[in-house]
C-alpha cells in the first residue's frame, strides 16, 4: 500500500512542519496557562481529532476544494480566528477565578467540561490554516497513485503528523502548565498568567486572521 520510503519521507516532512509552532501549539499553551494541565491535555487531544478531520476531508476530495477556493479558505480561516479571539477574551475575563479552579480536585470537575474542551480543540484543529494547507497541498504529494486506494493511503499517511502533533502538543501543554503551577501559589501571579493565556489566544486569533494566502 504505502511504501516504507514514502512513510519515512512524509514522517520527516511532518516532523519539520509540526515542530514549527503554529496555531494549534500556541492555542494549547494559551489554554494551559489559562486553565492548567487537564485542559491543556484535553485541548491537545481535541486538536488531533480536528486535524485528522482535515485528513479525511482531503482523502474524500473536500480538502482540495478548500485549497483551490480563496473564498472558502478565507471563511475557514476567519472562523478559526474569530473563535480563538472569543476564547481569549473569555479566558481574560475569568482570570480572577483561576485560583478556585487551580485548587479544585480534577475528579470534582464535570465531564462535560472536558468534552467541551476537546471540542474547542477540535474546532481550532479543523480551522487551522496551517493544517489546511499542509494536508491539502503536501499530503497528496506522498501518495503512490500507481498503487491504487489513494484515499486509504492518505488516511494512513495522515496518522503520522497526527501522532507527532499529539506528542509535541501535549509536551508543550504540560510544560506550560508546570509554569502555571508556580504562579498558582499567588492569587496575583495566577491572575497575571491567566491574563497572559487570554492575550496569547487573542493575539493568535488576530495573527491567523491577517496571515496566510493573499488570493
N, C-alpha and C. Protein backbone atom coordinates (compact mmCIF):
# COMPACT_ATOMS: atom_id res chain seq x y z
N UNK A 1 0.84 -1.19 0.00
CA UNK A 1 0.00 0.00 0.00
C UNK A 1 0.88 1.24 0.00
N UNK A 2 1.32 1.69 1.17
CA UNK A 2 2.22 2.83 1.26
C UNK A 2 3.63 2.30 1.54
N UNK A 3 4.58 2.62 0.66
CA UNK A 3 5.93 2.09 0.81
C UNK A 3 6.63 2.72 2.02
N UNK A 4 7.64 1.98 2.51
CA UNK A 4 8.38 2.44 3.68
C UNK A 4 9.10 3.75 3.42
N UNK A 5 9.66 3.89 2.21
CA UNK A 5 10.40 5.13 1.92
C UNK A 5 9.48 6.34 1.89
N UNK A 6 8.25 6.15 1.41
CA UNK A 6 7.30 7.26 1.42
C UNK A 6 6.86 7.59 2.85
N UNK A 7 6.67 6.57 3.66
CA UNK A 7 6.30 6.80 5.06
C UNK A 7 7.38 7.58 5.79
N UNK A 8 8.63 7.17 5.58
CA UNK A 8 9.74 7.84 6.25
C UNK A 8 9.91 9.27 5.76
N UNK A 9 9.77 9.46 4.44
CA UNK A 9 9.91 10.81 3.89
C UNK A 9 8.81 11.73 4.40
N UNK A 10 7.58 11.20 4.47
CA UNK A 10 6.47 12.02 4.96
C UNK A 10 6.61 12.27 6.46
N UNK A 11 7.14 11.29 7.19
CA UNK A 11 7.35 11.47 8.63
C UNK A 11 8.36 12.58 8.88
N UNK A 12 9.42 12.61 8.07
CA UNK A 12 10.44 13.65 8.22
C UNK A 12 9.85 15.02 7.92
N UNK A 13 9.07 15.10 6.84
CA UNK A 13 8.43 16.36 6.48
C UNK A 13 7.45 16.80 7.57
N UNK A 14 6.67 15.86 8.08
CA UNK A 14 5.68 16.16 9.12
C UNK A 14 6.35 16.67 10.38
N UNK A 15 7.47 16.05 10.76
CA UNK A 15 8.18 16.45 11.96
C UNK A 15 8.66 17.90 11.84
N UNK A 16 9.19 18.25 10.67
CA UNK A 16 9.67 19.62 10.47
C UNK A 16 8.53 20.62 10.58
N UNK A 17 7.40 20.28 9.98
CA UNK A 17 6.25 21.19 9.98
C UNK A 17 5.64 21.31 11.38
N UNK A 18 5.49 20.17 12.07
CA UNK A 18 4.86 20.17 13.38
C UNK A 18 5.72 20.91 14.41
N UNK A 19 7.04 20.79 14.29
CA UNK A 19 7.93 21.42 15.26
C UNK A 19 7.93 22.94 15.16
N UNK A 20 7.47 23.47 14.03
CA UNK A 20 7.34 24.92 13.90
C UNK A 20 6.04 25.33 14.60
N UNK A 21 6.12 26.07 15.71
CA UNK A 21 4.90 26.42 16.46
C UNK A 21 3.88 27.14 15.58
N UNK A 22 2.69 26.59 15.54
CA UNK A 22 1.60 27.18 14.78
C UNK A 22 0.41 27.45 15.67
N UNK A 23 -0.75 27.70 15.08
CA UNK A 23 -1.95 28.00 15.87
C UNK A 23 -2.30 26.93 16.92
N UNK A 24 -2.15 25.65 16.55
CA UNK A 24 -2.52 24.59 17.50
C UNK A 24 -1.62 24.61 18.73
N UNK A 25 -0.31 24.75 18.50
CA UNK A 25 0.64 24.77 19.61
C UNK A 25 0.38 25.96 20.52
N UNK A 26 0.25 27.13 19.93
CA UNK A 26 0.03 28.33 20.72
C UNK A 26 -1.31 28.29 21.44
N UNK A 27 -2.29 27.64 20.83
CA UNK A 27 -3.60 27.51 21.48
C UNK A 27 -3.49 26.61 22.71
N UNK A 28 -2.78 25.50 22.57
CA UNK A 28 -2.58 24.60 23.71
C UNK A 28 -1.85 25.32 24.84
N UNK A 29 -0.82 26.08 24.49
CA UNK A 29 -0.07 26.83 25.50
C UNK A 29 -0.97 27.85 26.19
N UNK A 30 -1.75 28.57 25.40
CA UNK A 30 -2.66 29.56 25.97
C UNK A 30 -3.66 28.94 26.91
N UNK A 31 -4.21 27.78 26.54
CA UNK A 31 -5.17 27.10 27.39
C UNK A 31 -4.50 26.56 28.66
N UNK A 32 -3.25 26.09 28.50
CA UNK A 32 -2.52 25.59 29.66
C UNK A 32 -2.27 26.70 30.67
N UNK A 33 -1.88 27.85 30.18
CA UNK A 33 -1.61 28.98 31.07
C UNK A 33 -2.89 29.48 31.73
N UNK A 34 -3.98 29.45 30.97
CA UNK A 34 -5.23 29.98 31.50
C UNK A 34 -5.96 28.99 32.40
N UNK A 35 -5.85 27.69 32.12
CA UNK A 35 -6.69 26.72 32.83
C UNK A 35 -5.96 25.51 33.42
N UNK A 36 -4.70 25.29 33.07
CA UNK A 36 -3.96 24.20 33.68
C UNK A 36 -3.77 22.96 32.82
N UNK A 37 -3.16 21.94 33.45
CA UNK A 37 -2.72 20.74 32.75
C UNK A 37 -3.86 19.94 32.14
N UNK A 38 -4.92 19.71 32.90
CA UNK A 38 -6.03 18.89 32.41
C UNK A 38 -6.62 19.48 31.14
N UNK A 39 -6.82 20.79 31.15
CA UNK A 39 -7.37 21.46 29.97
C UNK A 39 -6.39 21.41 28.81
N UNK A 40 -5.10 21.54 29.10
CA UNK A 40 -4.07 21.50 28.05
C UNK A 40 -4.08 20.15 27.34
N UNK A 41 -4.13 19.06 28.10
CA UNK A 41 -4.12 17.72 27.52
C UNK A 41 -5.38 17.48 26.70
N UNK A 42 -6.54 17.88 27.26
CA UNK A 42 -7.80 17.71 26.54
C UNK A 42 -7.80 18.52 25.25
N UNK A 43 -7.21 19.72 25.29
CA UNK A 43 -7.12 20.55 24.10
C UNK A 43 -6.25 19.90 23.04
N UNK A 44 -5.11 19.33 23.47
CA UNK A 44 -4.22 18.65 22.53
C UNK A 44 -4.92 17.47 21.87
N UNK A 45 -5.70 16.72 22.64
CA UNK A 45 -6.45 15.59 22.08
C UNK A 45 -7.48 16.10 21.07
N UNK A 46 -8.18 17.18 21.43
CA UNK A 46 -9.15 17.76 20.51
C UNK A 46 -8.50 18.24 19.22
N UNK A 47 -7.31 18.82 19.35
CA UNK A 47 -6.59 19.30 18.17
C UNK A 47 -6.31 18.19 17.18
N UNK A 48 -5.89 17.03 17.68
CA UNK A 48 -5.57 15.95 16.76
C UNK A 48 -6.83 15.39 16.11
N UNK A 49 -7.94 15.39 16.84
CA UNK A 49 -9.20 14.97 16.21
C UNK A 49 -9.57 15.93 15.08
N UNK A 50 -9.44 17.23 15.36
CA UNK A 50 -9.75 18.21 14.33
C UNK A 50 -8.81 18.11 13.14
N UNK A 51 -7.53 17.89 13.42
CA UNK A 51 -6.55 17.77 12.35
C UNK A 51 -6.82 16.54 11.50
N UNK A 52 -7.21 15.44 12.14
CA UNK A 52 -7.48 14.24 11.34
C UNK A 52 -8.75 14.39 10.52
N UNK A 53 -9.65 15.23 11.00
CA UNK A 53 -10.84 15.53 10.19
C UNK A 53 -10.42 16.19 8.88
N UNK A 54 -9.35 17.01 8.93
CA UNK A 54 -8.82 17.61 7.71
C UNK A 54 -8.25 16.53 6.79
N UNK A 55 -7.58 15.53 7.37
CA UNK A 55 -7.04 14.43 6.57
C UNK A 55 -8.18 13.70 5.85
N UNK A 56 -9.25 13.44 6.58
CA UNK A 56 -10.41 12.77 5.98
C UNK A 56 -11.00 13.62 4.86
N UNK A 57 -11.08 14.93 5.11
CA UNK A 57 -11.62 15.84 4.10
C UNK A 57 -10.77 15.80 2.82
N UNK A 58 -9.46 15.78 2.99
CA UNK A 58 -8.57 15.70 1.83
C UNK A 58 -8.74 14.37 1.12
N UNK A 59 -8.85 13.29 1.89
CA UNK A 59 -8.98 11.95 1.32
C UNK A 59 -10.23 11.81 0.46
N UNK A 60 -11.31 12.49 0.84
CA UNK A 60 -12.56 12.38 0.07
C UNK A 60 -12.72 13.51 -0.94
N UNK A 61 -11.70 14.39 -1.02
CA UNK A 61 -11.71 15.42 -2.06
C UNK A 61 -12.15 16.80 -1.63
N UNK A 62 -12.61 16.95 -0.38
CA UNK A 62 -13.08 18.26 0.08
C UNK A 62 -11.91 19.21 0.31
N UNK A 63 -10.80 18.66 0.80
CA UNK A 63 -9.65 19.50 1.10
C UNK A 63 -9.12 20.25 -0.10
N UNK A 64 -9.09 19.58 -1.26
CA UNK A 64 -8.58 20.25 -2.46
C UNK A 64 -9.50 21.40 -2.87
N UNK A 65 -10.81 21.24 -2.61
CA UNK A 65 -11.75 22.32 -2.92
C UNK A 65 -11.47 23.54 -2.06
N UNK A 66 -11.23 23.30 -0.78
CA UNK A 66 -10.92 24.41 0.14
C UNK A 66 -9.63 25.10 -0.28
N UNK A 67 -8.63 24.29 -0.66
CA UNK A 67 -7.34 24.85 -1.04
C UNK A 67 -7.44 25.69 -2.31
N UNK A 68 -8.31 25.27 -3.25
CA UNK A 68 -8.43 25.98 -4.54
C UNK A 68 -9.32 27.21 -4.43
N UNK A 69 -10.27 27.20 -3.52
CA UNK A 69 -11.23 28.29 -3.42
C UNK A 69 -10.77 29.32 -2.39
N UNK A 70 -10.44 30.51 -2.85
CA UNK A 70 -10.00 31.57 -1.94
C UNK A 70 -11.11 31.95 -0.96
N UNK A 71 -12.36 31.95 -1.44
CA UNK A 71 -13.48 32.36 -0.59
C UNK A 71 -13.69 31.36 0.55
N UNK A 72 -13.67 30.06 0.22
CA UNK A 72 -13.86 29.05 1.26
C UNK A 72 -12.70 29.05 2.23
N UNK A 73 -11.49 29.17 1.69
CA UNK A 73 -10.30 29.20 2.54
C UNK A 73 -10.37 30.38 3.52
N UNK A 74 -10.77 31.55 3.00
CA UNK A 74 -10.87 32.74 3.84
C UNK A 74 -11.93 32.54 4.93
N UNK A 75 -13.06 31.93 4.56
CA UNK A 75 -14.12 31.70 5.54
C UNK A 75 -13.65 30.78 6.66
N UNK A 76 -12.94 29.71 6.29
CA UNK A 76 -12.42 28.77 7.29
C UNK A 76 -11.42 29.48 8.20
N UNK A 77 -10.53 30.26 7.60
CA UNK A 77 -9.50 30.95 8.37
C UNK A 77 -10.12 31.95 9.34
N UNK A 78 -11.07 32.75 8.87
CA UNK A 78 -11.67 33.77 9.72
C UNK A 78 -12.53 33.15 10.83
N UNK A 79 -13.16 32.02 10.53
CA UNK A 79 -13.95 31.34 11.55
C UNK A 79 -13.05 30.87 12.70
N UNK A 80 -11.93 30.29 12.33
CA UNK A 80 -10.98 29.85 13.36
C UNK A 80 -10.41 31.02 14.14
N UNK A 81 -10.09 32.10 13.44
CA UNK A 81 -9.52 33.28 14.09
C UNK A 81 -10.52 33.89 15.07
N UNK A 82 -11.77 34.00 14.64
CA UNK A 82 -12.80 34.59 15.50
C UNK A 82 -13.01 33.76 16.77
N UNK A 83 -12.97 32.44 16.62
CA UNK A 83 -13.18 31.58 17.79
C UNK A 83 -12.00 31.69 18.75
N UNK A 84 -10.80 31.80 18.23
CA UNK A 84 -9.63 31.98 19.08
C UNK A 84 -9.73 33.27 19.89
N UNK A 85 -10.14 34.35 19.23
CA UNK A 85 -10.29 35.63 19.92
C UNK A 85 -11.37 35.51 21.00
N UNK A 86 -12.47 34.85 20.67
CA UNK A 86 -13.55 34.66 21.64
C UNK A 86 -13.06 33.92 22.88
N UNK A 87 -12.33 32.82 22.67
CA UNK A 87 -11.82 32.05 23.80
C UNK A 87 -10.80 32.86 24.60
N UNK A 88 -10.00 33.66 23.91
CA UNK A 88 -9.03 34.50 24.60
C UNK A 88 -9.69 35.54 25.48
N UNK A 89 -10.75 36.16 24.96
CA UNK A 89 -11.49 37.15 25.73
C UNK A 89 -12.13 36.50 26.96
N UNK A 90 -12.69 35.31 26.77
CA UNK A 90 -13.30 34.60 27.89
C UNK A 90 -12.26 34.27 28.97
N UNK A 91 -11.08 33.82 28.53
CA UNK A 91 -10.01 33.49 29.49
C UNK A 91 -9.58 34.73 30.26
N UNK A 92 -9.47 35.86 29.56
CA UNK A 92 -9.05 37.09 30.21
C UNK A 92 -10.11 37.59 31.19
N UNK A 93 -11.37 37.51 30.80
CA UNK A 93 -12.46 37.98 31.67
C UNK A 93 -12.54 37.17 32.96
N UNK A 94 -12.24 35.87 32.88
CA UNK A 94 -12.39 35.00 34.05
C UNK A 94 -11.05 34.69 34.72
N UNK A 95 -10.04 35.49 34.44
CA UNK A 95 -8.72 35.22 35.01
C UNK A 95 -8.73 35.27 36.54
N UNK A 96 -9.65 36.06 37.13
CA UNK A 96 -9.72 36.16 38.58
C UNK A 96 -10.28 34.92 39.24
N UNK A 97 -10.89 34.02 38.47
CA UNK A 97 -11.48 32.81 39.02
C UNK A 97 -10.52 31.63 38.98
N UNK A 98 -9.31 31.85 38.49
CA UNK A 98 -8.39 30.74 38.29
C UNK A 98 -7.90 30.12 39.59
N UNK A 99 -7.85 30.90 40.65
CA UNK A 99 -7.37 30.35 41.93
C UNK A 99 -8.26 29.20 42.39
N UNK A 100 -9.56 29.41 42.30
CA UNK A 100 -10.51 28.36 42.68
C UNK A 100 -10.36 27.15 41.78
N UNK A 101 -10.22 27.40 40.49
CA UNK A 101 -10.07 26.30 39.53
C UNK A 101 -8.81 25.51 39.78
N UNK A 102 -7.72 26.21 40.12
CA UNK A 102 -6.44 25.52 40.35
C UNK A 102 -6.49 24.66 41.60
N UNK A 103 -7.26 25.09 42.59
CA UNK A 103 -7.33 24.36 43.84
C UNK A 103 -8.35 23.22 43.80
N UNK A 104 -9.19 23.20 42.79
CA UNK A 104 -10.25 22.21 42.71
C UNK A 104 -9.71 20.87 42.25
N UNK A 105 -10.02 19.77 42.94
CA UNK A 105 -9.55 18.45 42.51
C UNK A 105 -10.03 18.13 41.12
N UNK A 106 -9.20 17.43 40.35
CA UNK A 106 -9.57 17.10 38.97
C UNK A 106 -10.84 16.26 38.93
N UNK A 107 -11.02 15.37 39.94
CA UNK A 107 -12.19 14.50 39.97
C UNK A 107 -13.48 15.26 40.20
N UNK A 108 -13.36 16.48 40.72
CA UNK A 108 -14.55 17.26 41.04
C UNK A 108 -15.08 18.04 39.84
N UNK A 109 -14.31 18.06 38.76
CA UNK A 109 -14.73 18.83 37.60
C UNK A 109 -15.68 18.00 36.76
N UNK A 110 -16.71 18.60 36.19
CA UNK A 110 -17.69 17.86 35.41
C UNK A 110 -17.10 17.32 34.12
N UNK A 111 -17.55 16.12 33.72
CA UNK A 111 -17.06 15.51 32.48
C UNK A 111 -17.40 16.37 31.27
N UNK A 112 -18.53 17.05 31.34
CA UNK A 112 -18.95 17.89 30.24
C UNK A 112 -17.91 18.97 29.95
N UNK A 113 -17.23 19.46 31.01
CA UNK A 113 -16.20 20.47 30.81
C UNK A 113 -15.06 19.92 29.97
N UNK A 114 -14.66 18.67 30.23
CA UNK A 114 -13.60 18.04 29.46
C UNK A 114 -14.04 17.86 28.01
N UNK A 115 -15.29 17.43 27.82
CA UNK A 115 -15.79 17.23 26.46
C UNK A 115 -15.82 18.55 25.70
N UNK A 116 -16.25 19.61 26.38
CA UNK A 116 -16.28 20.93 25.74
C UNK A 116 -14.87 21.37 25.36
N UNK A 117 -13.90 21.07 26.21
CA UNK A 117 -12.52 21.44 25.92
C UNK A 117 -12.00 20.69 24.70
N UNK A 118 -12.31 19.40 24.62
CA UNK A 118 -11.90 18.60 23.46
C UNK A 118 -12.53 19.16 22.18
N UNK A 119 -13.80 19.52 22.26
CA UNK A 119 -14.49 20.08 21.10
C UNK A 119 -13.89 21.42 20.69
N UNK A 120 -13.52 22.24 21.69
CA UNK A 120 -12.85 23.51 21.39
C UNK A 120 -11.55 23.25 20.62
N UNK A 121 -10.76 22.29 21.11
CA UNK A 121 -9.51 21.96 20.44
C UNK A 121 -9.74 21.43 19.05
N UNK A 122 -10.79 20.61 18.88
CA UNK A 122 -11.10 20.06 17.56
C UNK A 122 -11.48 21.15 16.57
N UNK A 123 -12.25 22.12 17.03
CA UNK A 123 -12.66 23.21 16.14
C UNK A 123 -11.46 24.02 15.69
N UNK A 124 -10.54 24.28 16.61
CA UNK A 124 -9.32 25.01 16.26
C UNK A 124 -8.48 24.19 15.29
N UNK A 125 -8.41 22.86 15.52
CA UNK A 125 -7.65 22.00 14.62
C UNK A 125 -8.23 21.99 13.21
N UNK A 126 -9.55 21.96 13.11
CA UNK A 126 -10.20 21.93 11.80
C UNK A 126 -9.99 23.24 11.04
N UNK A 127 -10.03 24.35 11.75
CA UNK A 127 -9.94 25.66 11.10
C UNK A 127 -8.51 26.21 11.08
N UNK A 128 -7.54 25.38 11.41
CA UNK A 128 -6.15 25.80 11.42
C UNK A 128 -5.64 25.95 9.99
N UNK A 129 -5.35 27.17 9.53
CA UNK A 129 -4.88 27.37 8.15
C UNK A 129 -3.62 26.57 7.83
N UNK A 130 -2.74 26.45 8.81
CA UNK A 130 -1.51 25.68 8.61
C UNK A 130 -1.84 24.23 8.28
N UNK A 131 -2.80 23.67 9.01
CA UNK A 131 -3.21 22.29 8.76
C UNK A 131 -3.89 22.13 7.42
N UNK A 132 -4.76 23.08 7.06
CA UNK A 132 -5.47 23.02 5.78
C UNK A 132 -4.47 22.98 4.63
N UNK A 133 -3.50 23.88 4.67
CA UNK A 133 -2.51 23.96 3.60
C UNK A 133 -1.65 22.70 3.56
N UNK A 134 -1.18 22.24 4.74
CA UNK A 134 -0.29 21.08 4.78
C UNK A 134 -0.99 19.83 4.25
N UNK A 135 -2.18 19.56 4.74
CA UNK A 135 -2.85 18.33 4.33
C UNK A 135 -3.39 18.40 2.90
N UNK A 136 -3.79 19.59 2.46
CA UNK A 136 -4.33 19.71 1.11
C UNK A 136 -3.23 19.77 0.04
N UNK A 137 -2.11 20.41 0.38
CA UNK A 137 -1.07 20.63 -0.62
C UNK A 137 0.10 19.67 -0.52
N UNK A 138 0.45 19.24 0.70
CA UNK A 138 1.64 18.40 0.89
C UNK A 138 1.31 16.92 0.93
N UNK A 139 0.29 16.54 1.68
CA UNK A 139 -0.06 15.13 1.83
C UNK A 139 -0.23 14.39 0.50
N UNK A 140 -0.97 14.95 -0.48
CA UNK A 140 -1.17 14.22 -1.74
C UNK A 140 0.13 13.92 -2.50
N UNK A 141 1.17 14.69 -2.24
CA UNK A 141 2.43 14.50 -2.96
C UNK A 141 3.13 13.20 -2.57
N UNK A 142 2.77 12.64 -1.42
CA UNK A 142 3.43 11.43 -0.94
C UNK A 142 2.60 10.17 -1.21
N UNK A 143 1.52 10.33 -1.95
CA UNK A 143 0.67 9.20 -2.30
C UNK A 143 1.19 8.54 -3.59
N UNK A 144 1.21 7.23 -3.61
CA UNK A 144 1.61 6.48 -4.80
C UNK A 144 0.36 6.19 -5.62
N UNK A 145 0.16 7.00 -6.66
CA UNK A 145 -1.04 6.85 -7.47
C UNK A 145 -1.13 5.48 -8.13
N UNK A 146 0.01 4.91 -8.51
CA UNK A 146 0.01 3.63 -9.21
C UNK A 146 -0.39 2.47 -8.29
N UNK A 147 -0.28 2.68 -6.98
CA UNK A 147 -0.60 1.61 -6.04
C UNK A 147 -2.10 1.49 -5.79
N UNK A 148 -2.87 2.50 -6.21
CA UNK A 148 -4.31 2.48 -6.00
C UNK A 148 -4.71 2.79 -4.57
N UNK A 149 -6.02 2.74 -4.30
CA UNK A 149 -6.56 3.03 -2.97
C UNK A 149 -5.99 4.34 -2.41
N UNK A 150 -6.06 5.38 -3.22
CA UNK A 150 -5.48 6.67 -2.84
C UNK A 150 -6.07 7.23 -1.55
N UNK A 151 -7.40 7.22 -1.38
CA UNK A 151 -7.96 7.74 -0.12
C UNK A 151 -7.42 6.99 1.11
N UNK A 152 -7.30 5.66 0.99
CA UNK A 152 -6.80 4.87 2.12
C UNK A 152 -5.34 5.21 2.41
N UNK A 153 -4.54 5.43 1.36
CA UNK A 153 -3.15 5.83 1.56
C UNK A 153 -3.08 7.16 2.31
N UNK A 154 -3.95 8.10 1.95
CA UNK A 154 -3.96 9.39 2.63
C UNK A 154 -4.33 9.25 4.10
N UNK A 155 -5.30 8.39 4.38
CA UNK A 155 -5.73 8.18 5.76
C UNK A 155 -4.60 7.58 6.60
N UNK A 156 -3.84 6.67 6.00
CA UNK A 156 -2.72 6.05 6.72
C UNK A 156 -1.59 7.05 6.92
N UNK A 157 -1.23 7.76 5.86
CA UNK A 157 -0.16 8.75 5.95
C UNK A 157 -0.53 9.86 6.94
N UNK A 158 -1.80 10.24 6.95
CA UNK A 158 -2.26 11.31 7.83
C UNK A 158 -2.10 11.01 9.30
N UNK A 159 -2.01 9.72 9.65
CA UNK A 159 -1.83 9.35 11.05
C UNK A 159 -0.46 9.77 11.57
N UNK A 160 0.51 9.91 10.68
CA UNK A 160 1.88 10.23 11.10
C UNK A 160 1.96 11.62 11.73
N UNK A 161 1.57 12.71 11.02
CA UNK A 161 1.62 14.03 11.67
C UNK A 161 0.66 14.13 12.84
N UNK A 162 -0.41 13.36 12.83
CA UNK A 162 -1.36 13.39 13.94
C UNK A 162 -0.69 12.89 15.22
N UNK A 163 0.02 11.77 15.12
CA UNK A 163 0.68 11.21 16.30
C UNK A 163 1.83 12.11 16.77
N UNK A 164 2.58 12.65 15.80
CA UNK A 164 3.66 13.57 16.16
C UNK A 164 3.08 14.80 16.86
N UNK A 165 1.99 15.33 16.31
CA UNK A 165 1.35 16.51 16.89
C UNK A 165 0.81 16.26 18.28
N UNK A 166 0.25 15.07 18.50
CA UNK A 166 -0.28 14.74 19.83
C UNK A 166 0.84 14.74 20.87
N UNK A 167 1.97 14.16 20.51
CA UNK A 167 3.10 14.09 21.44
C UNK A 167 3.66 15.48 21.72
N UNK A 168 3.91 16.24 20.67
CA UNK A 168 4.53 17.56 20.86
C UNK A 168 3.58 18.56 21.50
N UNK A 169 2.31 18.55 21.09
CA UNK A 169 1.34 19.47 21.69
C UNK A 169 1.16 19.19 23.17
N UNK A 170 1.10 17.90 23.52
CA UNK A 170 0.96 17.53 24.92
C UNK A 170 2.18 17.97 25.72
N UNK A 171 3.36 17.81 25.13
CA UNK A 171 4.59 18.24 25.81
C UNK A 171 4.59 19.75 26.04
N UNK A 172 4.18 20.51 25.02
CA UNK A 172 4.09 21.96 25.17
C UNK A 172 3.11 22.32 26.29
N UNK A 173 1.94 21.65 26.28
CA UNK A 173 0.92 21.95 27.27
C UNK A 173 1.36 21.63 28.69
N UNK A 174 2.02 20.48 28.87
CA UNK A 174 2.48 20.09 30.20
C UNK A 174 3.57 21.03 30.70
N UNK A 175 4.44 21.45 29.78
CA UNK A 175 5.49 22.39 30.16
C UNK A 175 4.89 23.72 30.61
N UNK A 176 3.93 24.22 29.83
CA UNK A 176 3.29 25.49 30.17
C UNK A 176 2.50 25.38 31.47
N UNK A 177 1.82 24.26 31.67
CA UNK A 177 1.03 24.09 32.90
C UNK A 177 1.93 23.96 34.13
N UNK A 178 3.14 23.41 33.94
CA UNK A 178 4.09 23.32 35.06
C UNK A 178 4.50 24.72 35.52
N UNK A 179 4.67 25.61 34.56
CA UNK A 179 4.97 27.01 34.89
C UNK A 179 3.80 27.63 35.64
N UNK A 180 2.60 27.30 35.19
CA UNK A 180 1.40 27.84 35.83
C UNK A 180 1.29 27.38 37.28
N UNK A 181 1.78 26.16 37.59
CA UNK A 181 1.72 25.65 38.96
C UNK A 181 2.44 26.57 39.92
N UNK A 182 3.60 27.08 39.50
CA UNK A 182 4.34 28.01 40.35
C UNK A 182 3.55 29.30 40.54
N UNK A 183 2.94 29.77 39.45
CA UNK A 183 2.16 31.00 39.55
C UNK A 183 0.93 30.81 40.44
N UNK A 184 0.43 29.56 40.53
CA UNK A 184 -0.78 29.29 41.31
C UNK A 184 -0.59 29.51 42.80
N UNK A 185 0.66 29.66 43.25
CA UNK A 185 0.91 29.90 44.67
C UNK A 185 0.52 31.30 45.10
N UNK A 186 0.22 32.15 44.14
CA UNK A 186 -0.17 33.52 44.46
C UNK A 186 -1.38 33.91 43.61
N UNK A 187 -2.41 34.46 44.25
CA UNK A 187 -3.59 34.91 43.51
C UNK A 187 -3.21 35.92 42.43
N UNK A 188 -2.35 36.84 42.78
CA UNK A 188 -1.95 37.88 41.84
C UNK A 188 -1.19 37.30 40.65
N UNK A 189 -0.24 36.41 40.95
CA UNK A 189 0.54 35.81 39.88
C UNK A 189 -0.35 34.95 38.98
N UNK A 190 -1.28 34.20 39.59
CA UNK A 190 -2.16 33.35 38.81
C UNK A 190 -3.08 34.18 37.92
N UNK A 191 -3.55 35.31 38.43
CA UNK A 191 -4.37 36.21 37.63
C UNK A 191 -3.58 36.74 36.44
N UNK A 192 -2.31 37.06 36.69
CA UNK A 192 -1.46 37.56 35.60
C UNK A 192 -1.24 36.50 34.53
N UNK A 193 -0.98 35.25 34.94
CA UNK A 193 -0.73 34.20 33.97
C UNK A 193 -2.01 33.85 33.21
N UNK A 194 -3.15 33.94 33.91
CA UNK A 194 -4.42 33.71 33.22
C UNK A 194 -4.67 34.77 32.16
N UNK A 195 -4.34 36.03 32.51
CA UNK A 195 -4.47 37.10 31.53
C UNK A 195 -3.53 36.91 30.37
N UNK A 196 -2.31 36.41 30.66
CA UNK A 196 -1.33 36.16 29.59
C UNK A 196 -1.84 35.08 28.65
N UNK A 197 -2.47 34.04 29.22
CA UNK A 197 -3.04 32.99 28.38
C UNK A 197 -4.13 33.53 27.48
N UNK A 198 -4.97 34.40 28.04
CA UNK A 198 -6.03 35.01 27.24
C UNK A 198 -5.48 35.87 26.13
N UNK A 199 -4.48 36.70 26.45
CA UNK A 199 -3.87 37.55 25.43
C UNK A 199 -3.17 36.72 24.36
N UNK A 200 -2.59 35.58 24.77
CA UNK A 200 -1.93 34.70 23.79
C UNK A 200 -2.93 34.23 22.75
N UNK A 201 -4.11 33.81 23.21
CA UNK A 201 -5.13 33.32 22.29
C UNK A 201 -5.71 34.44 21.43
N UNK A 202 -5.88 35.63 22.02
CA UNK A 202 -6.37 36.76 21.24
C UNK A 202 -5.36 37.13 20.16
N UNK A 203 -4.08 37.23 20.56
CA UNK A 203 -3.03 37.55 19.59
C UNK A 203 -2.93 36.51 18.50
N UNK A 204 -3.09 35.24 18.88
CA UNK A 204 -3.05 34.16 17.90
C UNK A 204 -4.20 34.29 16.90
N UNK A 205 -5.40 34.60 17.42
CA UNK A 205 -6.54 34.77 16.53
C UNK A 205 -6.33 35.88 15.53
N UNK A 206 -5.80 37.01 16.00
CA UNK A 206 -5.53 38.14 15.11
C UNK A 206 -4.47 37.75 14.08
N UNK A 207 -3.44 37.04 14.52
CA UNK A 207 -2.38 36.60 13.61
C UNK A 207 -2.91 35.70 12.51
N UNK A 208 -3.75 34.73 12.91
CA UNK A 208 -4.34 33.81 11.94
C UNK A 208 -5.19 34.58 10.92
N UNK A 209 -5.90 35.60 11.40
CA UNK A 209 -6.79 36.36 10.51
C UNK A 209 -6.04 37.15 9.46
N UNK A 210 -4.86 37.69 9.81
CA UNK A 210 -4.15 38.59 8.90
C UNK A 210 -3.03 37.93 8.13
N UNK A 211 -2.77 36.64 8.37
CA UNK A 211 -1.71 35.97 7.63
C UNK A 211 -2.30 34.87 6.77
N UNK A 212 -1.44 34.29 5.92
CA UNK A 212 -1.88 33.21 5.06
C UNK A 212 -1.97 33.67 3.62
N UNK A 213 -2.74 32.96 2.85
CA UNK A 213 -2.86 33.26 1.43
C UNK A 213 -3.44 34.64 1.21
N UNK A 214 -2.94 35.29 0.19
CA UNK A 214 -3.44 36.62 -0.14
C UNK A 214 -4.49 36.57 -1.25
N UNK A 215 -4.68 35.39 -1.89
CA UNK A 215 -5.63 35.31 -3.00
C UNK A 215 -7.00 34.86 -2.52
